[in-house]
Amino acid sequence: MLRGTTDRLLDETEFPTTSEQFVERHGDKELELPNGTETIAEVLAHADAETFDTAEDARLTVYSSLSSKAIGRKGYSDRDPITPGSEYGPDQISF
């Protein structure tokens, strides 16, 4: 569970802190994602080194640095309209 694990780690951290210090302390902690797991060290390896002034800064950096394991089906959306002329999707009905 991403949110619960991340919140616990942030509660255990004094801010400000650097991303290196955060990884030293929590790098081995695993985040459960929809398509596997990643450690904090793996996640923050995708981000630039920085100083986190608040827990929210760290949370946003972790969330924005997650790999594709954090998304469901790639390219899927049930909200995208059907492209006109597409051979997929329901037949159009004229009222």
PDB file of N, CA and C in Angstrom:
ATOM      1  N   MET A   1       0.849  -1.172   0.000  1.00  0.00           N
ATOM      2  CA  MET A   1       0.000   0.000   0.000  1.00  0.00           C
ATOM      3  C   MET A   1       0.889   1.227   0.000  1.00  0.00           C
ATOM      4  N   LEU A   2       0.825   1.990  -1.029  1.00  0.00           N
ATOM      5  CA  LEU A   2       1.722   3.126  -1.216  1.00  0.00           C
ATOM      6  C   LEU A   2       1.481   4.235  -0.213  1.00  0.00           C
ATOM      7  N   ARG A   3       0.268   4.674  -0.074  1.00  0.00           N
ATOM      8  CA  ARG A   3      -0.025   5.823   0.785  1.00  0.00           C
ATOM      9  C   ARG A   3       0.329   5.542   2.247  1.00  0.00           C
ATOM     10  N   GLY A   4      -0.080   4.411   2.781  1.00  0.00           N
ATOM     11  CA  GLY A   4       0.186   4.078   4.173  1.00  0.00           C
ATOM     12  C   GLY A   4       1.671   3.946   4.465  1.00  0.00           C
ATOM     13  N   THR A   5       2.379   3.249   3.600  1.00  0.00           N
ATOM     14  CA  THR A   5       3.823   3.070   3.791  1.00  0.00           C
ATOM     15  C   THR A   5       4.548   4.397   3.706  1.00  0.00           C
ATOM     16  N   THR A   6       4.221   5.185   2.716  1.00  0.00           N
ATOM     17  CA  THR A   6       4.877   6.479   2.542  1.00  0.00           C
ATOM     18  C   THR A   6       4.604   7.390   3.730  1.00  0.00           C
ATOM     19  N   ASP A   7       3.377   7.422   4.207  1.00  0.00           N
ATOM     20  CA  ASP A   7       3.037   8.267   5.350  1.00  0.00           C
ATOM     21  C   ASP A   7       3.804   7.850   6.602  1.00  0.00           C
ATOM     22  N   ARG A   8       3.930   6.539   6.837  1.00  0.00           N
ATOM     23  CA  ARG A   8       4.690   6.065   8.004  1.00  0.00           C
ATOM     24  C   ARG A   8       6.146   6.498   7.918  1.00  0.00           C
ATOM     25  N   LEU A   9       6.750   6.376   6.743  1.00  0.00           N
ATOM     26  CA  LEU A   9       8.146   6.777   6.572  1.00  0.00           C
ATOM     27  C   LEU A   9       8.322   8.274   6.804  1.00  0.00           C
ATOM     28  N   LEU A  10       7.388   9.048   6.312  1.00  0.00           N
ATOM     29  CA  LEU A  10       7.482  10.499   6.471  1.00  0.00           C
ATOM     30  C   LEU A  10       7.269  10.909   7.921  1.00  0.00           C
ATOM     31  N   ASP A  11       6.414  10.185   8.643  1.00  0.00           N
ATOM     32  CA  ASP A  11       6.194  10.477  10.064  1.00  0.00           C
ATOM     33  C   ASP A  11       7.447  10.218  10.886  1.00  0.00           C
ATOM     34  N   GLU A  12       8.288   9.284  10.434  1.00  0.00           N
ATOM     35  CA  GLU A  12       9.517   8.927  11.138  1.00  0.00           C
ATOM     36  C   GLU A  12      10.691   9.836  10.781  1.00  0.00           C
ATOM     37  N   THR A  13      10.483  10.799   9.910  1.00  0.00           N
ATOM     38  CA  THR A  13      11.566  11.624   9.391  1.00  0.00           C
ATOM     39  C   THR A  13      11.462  13.048   9.907  1.00  0.00           C
ATOM     40  N   GLU A  14      12.615  13.605  10.277  1.00  0.00           N
ATOM     41  CA  GLU A  14      12.671  15.016  10.663  1.00  0.00           C
ATOM     42  C   GLU A  14      13.024  15.834   9.428  1.00  0.00           C
ATOM     43  N   PHE A  15      12.319  16.922   9.255  1.00  0.00           N
ATOM     44  CA  PHE A  15      12.542  17.790   8.102  1.00  0.00           C
ATOM     45  C   PHE A  15      13.086  19.118   8.573  1.00  0.00           C
ATOM     46  N   PRO A  16      13.933  19.755   7.770  1.00  0.00           N
ATOM     47  CA  PRO A  16      14.376  19.399   6.422  1.00  0.00           C
ATOM     48  C   PRO A  16      15.363  18.237   6.437  1.00  0.00           C
ATOM     49  N   THR A  17      15.396  17.518   5.325  1.00  0.00           N
ATOM     50  CA  THR A  17      16.329  16.417   5.115  1.00  0.00           C
ATOM     51  C   THR A  17      16.672  16.350   3.640  1.00  0.00           C
ATOM     52  N   THR A  18      17.784  15.738   3.322  1.00  0.00           N
ATOM     53  CA  THR A  18      18.158  15.589   1.916  1.00  0.00           C
ATOM     54  C   THR A  18      17.644  14.248   1.399  1.00  0.00           C
ATOM     55  N   SER A  19      17.583  14.125   0.095  1.00  0.00           N
ATOM     56  CA  SER A  19      17.144  12.854  -0.478  1.00  0.00           C
ATOM     57  C   SER A  19      18.135  11.750  -0.130  1.00  0.00           C
ATOM     58  N   GLU A  20      19.433  12.083  -0.037  1.00  0.00           N
ATOM     59  CA  GLU A  20      20.433  11.079   0.338  1.00  0.00           C
ATOM     60  C   GLU A  20      20.200  10.580   1.769  1.00  0.00           C
ATOM     61  N   GLN A  21      19.905  11.498   2.682  1.00  0.00           N
ATOM     62  CA  GLN A  21      19.631  11.106   4.067  1.00  0.00           C
ATOM     63  C   GLN A  21      18.359  10.262   4.152  1.00  0.00           C
ATOM     64  N   PHE A  22      17.371  10.628   3.371  1.00  0.00           N
ATOM     65  CA  PHE A  22      16.114   9.885   3.358  1.00  0.00           C
ATOM     66  C   PHE A  22      16.357   8.459   2.867  1.00  0.00           C
ATOM     67  N   VAL A  23      17.186   8.312   1.823  1.00  0.00           N
ATOM     68  CA  VAL A  23      17.498   6.982   1.289  1.00  0.00           C
ATOM     69  C   VAL A  23      18.333   6.187   2.293  1.00  0.00           C
ATOM     70  N   GLU A  24      19.282   6.835   2.961  1.00  0.00           N
ATOM     71  CA  GLU A  24      20.083   6.135   3.967  1.00  0.00           C
ATOM     72  C   GLU A  24      19.198   5.535   5.059  1.00  0.00           C
ATOM     73  N   ARG A  25      18.196   6.283   5.452  1.00  0.00           N
ATOM     74  CA  ARG A  25      17.331   5.842   6.546  1.00  0.00           C
ATOM     75  C   ARG A  25      16.237   4.876   6.091  1.00  0.00           C
ATOM     76  N   HIS A  26      15.671   5.100   4.901  1.00  0.00           N
ATOM     77  CA  HIS A  26      14.497   4.327   4.472  1.00  0.00           C
ATOM     78  C   HIS A  26      14.677   3.614   3.134  1.00  0.00           C
ATOM     79  N   GLY A  27      15.854   3.638   2.560  1.00  0.00           N
ATOM     80  CA  GLY A  27      16.064   3.117   1.210  1.00  0.00           C
ATOM     81  C   GLY A  27      15.650   1.677   0.991  1.00  0.00           C
ATOM     82  N   ASP A  28      15.712   0.853   2.024  1.00  0.00           N
ATOM     83  CA  ASP A  28      15.374  -0.556   1.863  1.00  0.00           C
ATOM     84  C   ASP A  28      13.882  -0.848   2.026  1.00  0.00           C
ATOM     85  N   LYS A  29      13.097   0.151   2.402  1.00  0.00           N
ATOM     86  CA  LYS A  29      11.654  -0.040   2.589  1.00  0.00           C
ATOM     87  C   LYS A  29      10.986  -0.216   1.225  1.00  0.00           C
ATOM     88  N   GLU A  30      10.111  -1.210   1.144  1.00  0.00           N
ATOM     89  CA  GLU A  30       9.429  -1.493  -0.116  1.00  0.00           C
ATOM     90  C   GLU A  30       8.064  -0.833  -0.168  1.00  0.00           C
ATOM     91  N   LEU A  31       7.744  -0.320  -1.342  1.00  0.00           N
ATOM     92  CA  LEU A  31       6.423   0.235  -1.614  1.00  0.00           C
ATOM     93  C   LEU A  31       5.662  -0.777  -2.461  1.00  0.00           C
ATOM     94  N   GLU A  32       4.468  -1.146  -2.038  1.00  0.00           N
ATOM     95  CA  GLU A  32       3.646  -2.072  -2.803  1.00  0.00           C
ATOM     96  C   GLU A  32       2.921  -1.290  -3.890  1.00  0.00           C
ATOM     97  N   LEU A  33       3.136  -1.697  -5.123  1.00  0.00           N
ATOM     98  CA  LEU A  33       2.543  -1.028  -6.273  1.00  0.00           C
ATOM     99  C   LEU A  33       1.626  -2.002  -7.004  1.00  0.00           C
ATOM    100  N   PRO A  34       0.742  -1.514  -7.866  1.00  0.00           N
ATOM    101  CA  PRO A  34      -0.176  -2.408  -8.569  1.00  0.00           C
ATOM    102  C   PRO A  34       0.520  -3.517  -9.369  1.00  0.00           C
ATOM    103  N   ASN A  35       1.715  -3.241  -9.874  1.00  0.00           N
ATOM    104  CA  ASN A  35       2.409  -4.227 -10.711  1.00  0.00           C
ATOM    105  C   ASN A  35       3.766  -4.602 -10.136  1.00  0.00           C
ATOM    106  N   GLY A  36       3.856  -4.777  -8.830  1.00  0.00           N
ATOM    107  CA  GLY A  36       5.102  -5.183  -8.200  1.00  0.00           C
ATOM    108  C   GLY A  36       5.456  -4.285  -7.030  1.00  0.00           C
ATOM    109  N   THR A  37       6.726  -4.258  -6.703  1.00  0.00           N
ATOM    110  CA  THR A  37       7.210  -3.422  -5.609  1.00  0.00           C
ATOM    111  C   THR A  37       8.459  -2.674  -6.047  1.00  0.00           C
ATOM    112  N   GLU A  38       8.747  -1.597  -5.346  1.00  0.00           N
ATOM    113  CA  GLU A  38       9.990  -0.850  -5.533  1.00  0.00           C
ATOM    114  C   GLU A  38      10.433  -0.368  -4.163  1.00  0.00           C
ATOM    115  N   THR A  39      11.741  -0.291  -3.975  1.00  0.00           N
ATOM    116  CA  THR A  39      12.246   0.272  -2.733  1.00  0.00           C
ATOM    117  C   THR A  39      12.333   1.790  -2.871  1.00  0.00           C
ATOM    118  N   ILE A  40      12.401   2.453  -1.736  1.00  0.00           N
ATOM    119  CA  ILE A  40      12.566   3.910  -1.742  1.00  0.00           C
ATOM    120  C   ILE A  40      13.846   4.282  -2.495  1.00  0.00           C
ATOM    121  N   ALA A  41      14.907   3.497  -2.311  1.00  0.00           N
ATOM    122  CA  ALA A  41      16.171   3.775  -3.013  1.00  0.00           C
ATOM    123  C   ALA A  41      15.985   3.706  -4.526  1.00  0.00           C
ATOM    124  N   GLU A  42      15.242   2.702  -5.012  1.00  0.00           N
ATOM    125  CA  GLU A  42      14.994   2.581  -6.454  1.00  0.00           C
ATOM    126  C   GLU A  42      14.173   3.754  -6.970  1.00  0.00           C
ATOM    127  N   VAL A  43      13.176   4.145  -6.198  1.00  0.00           N
ATOM    128  CA  VAL A  43      12.300   5.242  -6.616  1.00  0.00           C
ATOM    129  C   VAL A  43      13.081   6.550  -6.691  1.00  0.00           C
ATOM    130  N   LEU A  44      13.825   6.868  -5.642  1.00  0.00           N
ATOM    131  CA  LEU A  44      14.528   8.150  -5.616  1.00  0.00           C
ATOM    132  C   LEU A  44      15.760   8.179  -6.504  1.00  0.00           C
ATOM    133  N   ALA A  45      16.178   7.021  -7.021  1.00  0.00           N
ATOM    134  CA  ALA A  45      17.269   7.000  -7.993  1.00  0.00           C
ATOM    135  C   ALA A  45      16.839   7.687  -9.297  1.00  0.00           C
ATOM    136  N   HIS A  46      15.527   7.766  -9.534  1.00  0.00           N
ATOM    137  CA  HIS A  46      14.982   8.409 -10.739  1.00  0.00           C
ATOM    138  C   HIS A  46      14.915   9.925 -10.587  1.00  0.00           C
ATOM    139  N   ALA A  47      15.077  10.422  -9.364  1.00  0.00           N
ATOM    140  CA  ALA A  47      14.919  11.855  -9.089  1.00  0.00           C
ATOM    141  C   ALA A  47      16.286  12.508  -8.882  1.00  0.00           C
ATOM    142  N   ASP A  48      16.326  13.813  -9.075  1.00  0.00           N
ATOM    143  CA  ASP A  48      17.539  14.568  -8.777  1.00  0.00           C
ATOM    144  C   ASP A  48      17.703  14.682  -7.265  1.00  0.00           C
ATOM    145  N   ALA A  49      18.951  14.760  -6.817  1.00  0.00           N
ATOM    146  CA  ALA A  49      19.208  14.957  -5.387  1.00  0.00           C
ATOM    147  C   ALA A  49      18.669  16.322  -4.981  1.00  0.00           C
ATOM    148  N   GLU A  50      18.027  16.354  -3.839  1.00  0.00           N
ATOM    149  CA  GLU A  50      17.459  17.608  -3.388  1.00  0.00           C
ATOM    150  C   GLU A  50      17.251  17.594  -1.885  1.00  0.00           C
ATOM    151  N   THR A  51      16.891  18.748  -1.346  1.00  0.00           N
ATOM    152  CA  THR A  51      16.545  18.877   0.057  1.00  0.00           C
ATOM    153  C   THR A  51      15.037  18.970   0.168  1.00  0.00           C
ATOM    154  N   PHE A  52      14.478  18.166   1.049  1.00  0.00           N
ATOM    155  CA  PHE A  52      13.046  18.195   1.311  1.00  0.00           C
ATOM    156  C   PHE A  52      12.822  19.062   2.536  1.00  0.00           C
ATOM    157  N   ASP A  53      12.121  20.164   2.365  1.00  0.00           N
ATOM    158  CA  ASP A  53      11.824  21.059   3.486  1.00  0.00           C
ATOM    159  C   ASP A  53      10.659  20.553   4.325  1.00  0.00           C
ATOM    160  N   THR A  54       9.741  19.845   3.676  1.00  0.00           N
ATOM    161  CA  THR A  54       8.555  19.343   4.376  1.00  0.00           C
ATOM    162  C   THR A  54       8.265  17.913   3.937  1.00  0.00           C
ATOM    163  N   ALA A  55       7.387  17.255   4.696  1.00  0.00           N
ATOM    164  CA  ALA A  55       6.962  15.907   4.338  1.00  0.00           C
ATOM    165  C   ALA A  55       6.250  15.911   2.985  1.00  0.00           C
ATOM    166  N   GLU A  56       5.506  16.959   2.709  1.00  0.00           N
ATOM    167  CA  GLU A  56       4.793  17.046   1.430  1.00  0.00           C
ATOM    168  C   GLU A  56       5.765  17.106   0.258  1.00  0.00           C
ATOM    169  N   ASP A  57       6.891  17.810   0.408  1.00  0.00           N
ATOM    170  CA  ASP A  57       7.918  17.849  -0.648  1.00  0.00           C
ATOM    171  C   ASP A  57       8.431  16.439  -0.940  1.00  0.00           C
ATOM    172  N   ALA A  58       8.721  15.696   0.118  1.00  0.00           N
ATOM    173  CA  ALA A  58       9.225  14.327  -0.056  1.00  0.00           C
ATOM    174  C   ALA A  58       8.163  13.434  -0.679  1.00  0.00           C
ATOM    175  N   ARG A  59       6.918  13.543  -0.209  1.00  0.00           N
ATOM    176  CA  ARG A  59       5.823  12.728  -0.739  1.00  0.00           C
ATOM    177  C   ARG A  59       5.646  12.967  -2.237  1.00  0.00           C
ATOM    178  N   LEU A  60       5.613  14.214  -2.643  1.00  0.00           N
ATOM    179  CA  LEU A  60       5.425  14.523  -4.069  1.00  0.00           C
ATOM    180  C   LEU A  60       6.577  14.013  -4.916  1.00  0.00           C
ATOM    181  N   THR A  61       7.796  14.090  -4.391  1.00  0.00           N
ATOM    182  CA  THR A  61       8.952  13.586  -5.135  1.00  0.00           C
ATOM    183  C   THR A  61       8.881  12.077  -5.278  1.00  0.00           C
ATOM    184  N   VAL A  62       8.514  11.385  -4.211  1.00  0.00           N
ATOM    185  CA  VAL A  62       8.379   9.926  -4.293  1.00  0.00           C
ATOM    186  C   VAL A  62       7.298   9.558  -5.298  1.00  0.00           C
ATOM    187  N   TYR A  63       6.137  10.162  -5.204  1.00  0.00           N
ATOM    188  CA  TYR A  63       5.042   9.837  -6.109  1.00  0.00           C
ATOM    189  C   TYR A  63       5.388  10.130  -7.573  1.00  0.00           C
ATOM    190  N   SER A  64       6.057  11.230  -7.816  1.00  0.00           N
ATOM    191  CA  SER A  64       6.372  11.591  -9.202  1.00  0.00           C
ATOM    192  C   SER A  64       7.552  10.810  -9.762  1.00  0.00           C
ATOM    193  N   SER A  65       8.264  10.076  -8.914  1.00  0.00           N
ATOM    194  CA  SER A  65       9.433   9.321  -9.367  1.00  0.00           C
ATOM    195  C   SER A  65       9.168   7.828  -9.499  1.00  0.00           C
ATOM    196  N   LEU A  66       7.951   7.403  -9.248  1.00  0.00           N
ATOM    197  CA  LEU A  66       7.619   5.982  -9.356  1.00  0.00           C
ATOM    198  C   LEU A  66       7.737   5.519 -10.799  1.00  0.00           C
ATOM    199  N   SER A  67       8.063   4.251 -10.978  1.00  0.00           N
ATOM    200  CA  SER A  67       8.184   3.685 -12.318  1.00  0.00           C
ATOM    201  C   SER A  67       6.808   3.284 -12.849  1.00  0.00           C
ATOM    202  N   SER A  68       6.797   2.641 -13.987  1.00  0.00           N
ATOM    203  CA  SER A  68       5.531   2.208 -14.592  1.00  0.00           C
ATOM    204  C   SER A  68       4.869   1.086 -13.801  1.00  0.00           C
ATOM    205  N   LYS A  69       5.548   0.535 -12.793  1.00  0.00           N
ATOM    206  CA  LYS A  69       4.918  -0.466 -11.927  1.00  0.00           C
ATOM    207  C   LYS A  69       3.770   0.136 -11.124  1.00  0.00           C
ATOM    208  N   ALA A  70       3.728   1.465 -11.043  1.00  0.00           N
ATOM    209  CA  ALA A  70       2.714   2.134 -10.232  1.00  0.00           C
ATOM    210  C   ALA A  70       1.414   2.389 -10.986  1.00  0.00           C
ATOM    211  N   ILE A  71       1.390   2.122 -12.270  1.00  0.00           N
ATOM    212  CA  ILE A  71       0.162   2.360 -13.028  1.00  0.00           C
ATOM    213  C   ILE A  71      -0.520   1.040 -13.343  1.00  0.00           C
ATOM    214  N   GLY A  72      -1.769   1.110 -13.648  1.00  0.00           N
ATOM    215  CA  GLY A  72      -2.505  -0.094 -14.046  1.00  0.00           C
ATOM    216  C   GLY A  72      -2.099  -0.490 -15.456  1.00  0.00           C
ATOM    217  N   ARG A  73      -3.073  -0.783 -16.275  1.00  0.00           N
ATOM    218  CA  ARG A  73      -2.775  -1.167 -17.651  1.00  0.00           C
ATOM    219  C   ARG A  73      -2.263   0.046 -18.412  1.00  0.00           C
ATOM    220  N   LYS A  74      -1.130  -0.094 -19.061  1.00  0.00           N
ATOM    221  CA  LYS A  74      -0.537   1.011 -19.811  1.00  0.00           C
ATOM    222  C   LYS A  74      -1.435   1.385 -20.985  1.00  0.00           C
ATOM    223  N   GLY A  75      -1.647   2.682 -21.146  1.00  0.00           N
ATOM    224  CA  GLY A  75      -2.418   3.185 -22.268  1.00  0.00           C
ATOM    225  C   GLY A  75      -3.922   3.014 -22.131  1.00  0.00           C
ATOM    226  N   TYR A  76      -4.385   2.454 -21.025  1.00  0.00           N
ATOM    227  CA  TYR A  76      -5.815   2.206 -20.855  1.00  0.00           C
ATOM    228  C   TYR A  76      -6.500   3.400 -20.214  1.00  0.00           C
ATOM    229  N   SER A  77      -7.643   3.748 -20.742  1.00  0.00           N
ATOM    230  CA  SER A  77      -8.499   4.740 -20.119  1.00  0.00           C
ATOM    231  C   SER A  77      -9.930   4.456 -20.530  1.00  0.00           C
ATOM    232  N   ASP A  78     -10.813   4.424 -19.573  1.00  0.00           N
ATOM    233  CA  ASP A  78     -12.220   4.222 -19.907  1.00  0.00           C
ATOM    234  C   ASP A  78     -12.904   5.558 -20.161  1.00  0.00           C
ATOM    235  N   ARG A  79     -12.129   6.625 -20.188  1.00  0.00           N
ATOM    236  CA  ARG A  79     -12.703   7.955 -20.395  1.00  0.00           C
ATOM    237  C   ARG A  79     -12.363   8.553 -21.762  1.00  0.00           C
ATOM    238  N   ASP A  80     -11.482   7.910 -22.486  1.00  0.00           N
ATOM    239  CA  ASP A  80     -11.119   8.436 -23.796  1.00  0.00           C
ATOM    240  C   ASP A  80     -12.258   8.205 -24.780  1.00  0.00           C
ATOM    241  N   PRO A  81     -12.568   9.217 -25.562  1.00  0.00           N
ATOM    242  CA  PRO A  81     -13.612   9.016 -26.577  1.00  0.00           C
ATOM    243  C   PRO A  81     -13.101   8.103 -27.689  1.00  0.00           C
ATOM    244  N   ILE A  82     -14.024   7.479 -28.355  1.00  0.00           N
ATOM    245  CA  ILE A  82     -13.670   6.644 -29.493  1.00  0.00           C
ATOM    246  C   ILE A  82     -13.310   7.557 -30.654  1.00  0.00           C
ATOM    247  N   THR A  83     -12.237   7.269 -31.294  1.00  0.00           N
ATOM    248  CA  THR A  83     -11.789   8.078 -32.419  1.00  0.00           C
ATOM    249  C   THR A  83     -12.734   7.884 -33.605  1.00  0.00           C
ATOM    250  N   PRO A  84     -13.184   8.989 -34.207  1.00  0.00           N
ATOM    251  CA  PRO A  84     -14.055   8.851 -35.377  1.00  0.00           C
ATOM    252  C   PRO A  84     -13.369   8.021 -36.460  1.00  0.00           C
ATOM    253  N   GLY A  85     -14.120   7.111 -37.053  1.00  0.00           N
ATOM    254  CA  GLY A  85     -13.571   6.266 -38.102  1.00  0.00           C
ATOM    255  C   GLY A  85     -12.849   5.050 -37.550  1.00  0.00           C
ATOM    256  N   SER A  86     -12.810   4.918 -36.236  1.00  0.00           N
ATOM    257  CA  SER A  86     -12.139   3.781 -35.622  1.00  0.00           C
ATOM    258  C   SER A  86     -12.960   2.521 -35.846  1.00  0.00           C
ATOM    259  N   GLU A  87     -12.288   1.430 -36.067  1.00  0.00           N
ATOM    260  CA  GLU A  87     -13.010   0.180 -36.242  1.00  0.00           C
ATOM    261  C   GLU A  87     -13.364  -0.470 -34.905  1.00  0.00           C
ATOM    262  N   TYR A  88     -12.891   0.137 -33.799  1.00  0.00           N
ATOM    263  CA  TYR A  88     -13.181  -0.399 -32.473  1.00  0.00           C
ATOM    264  C   TYR A  88     -14.267   0.434 -31.816  1.00  0.00           C
ATOM    265  N   GLY A  89     -15.011  -0.167 -30.928  1.00  0.00           N
ATOM    266  CA  GLY A  89     -16.014   0.565 -30.185  1.00  0.00           C
ATOM    267  C   GLY A  89     -17.413   0.286 -30.715  1.00  0.00           C
ATOM    268  N   PRO A  90     -18.397   0.854 -30.029  1.00  0.00           N
ATOM    269  CA  PRO A  90     -19.787   0.583 -30.418  1.00  0.00           C
ATOM    270  C   PRO A  90     -20.142   1.311 -31.729  1.00  0.00           C
ATOM    271  N   ASP A  91     -21.131   0.774 -32.405  1.00  0.00           N
ATOM    272  CA  ASP A  91     -21.611   1.436 -33.610  1.00  0.00           C
ATOM    273  C   ASP A  91     -22.311   2.728 -33.205  1.00  0.00           C
ATOM    274  N   GLN A  92     -22.139   3.762 -34.020  1.00  0.00           N
ATOM    275  CA  GLN A  92     -22.784   5.023 -33.717  1.00  0.00           C
ATOM    276  C   GLN A  92     -24.266   4.919 -34.036  1.00  0.00           C
ATOM    277  N   ILE A  93     -25.064   5.563 -33.187  1.00  0.00           N
ATOM    278  CA  ILE A  93     -26.501   5.550 -33.357  1.00  0.00           C
ATOM    279  C   ILE A  93     -26.962   6.983 -33.599  1.00  0.00           C
ATOM    280  N   SER A  94     -27.813   7.175 -34.595  1.00  0.00           N
ATOM    281  CA  SER A  94     -28.346   8.484 -34.894  1.00  0.00           C
ATOM    282  C   SER A  94     -29.747   8.588 -34.298  1.00  0.00           C
ATOM    283  N   PHE A  95     -29.977   9.649 -33.552  1.00  0.00           N
ATOM    284  CA  PHE A  95     -31.306   9.835 -32.948  1.00  0.00           C
ATOM    285  C   PHE A  95     -32.090  10.731 -33.822  1.00  0.00           C
TER     286      PHE A  95
END
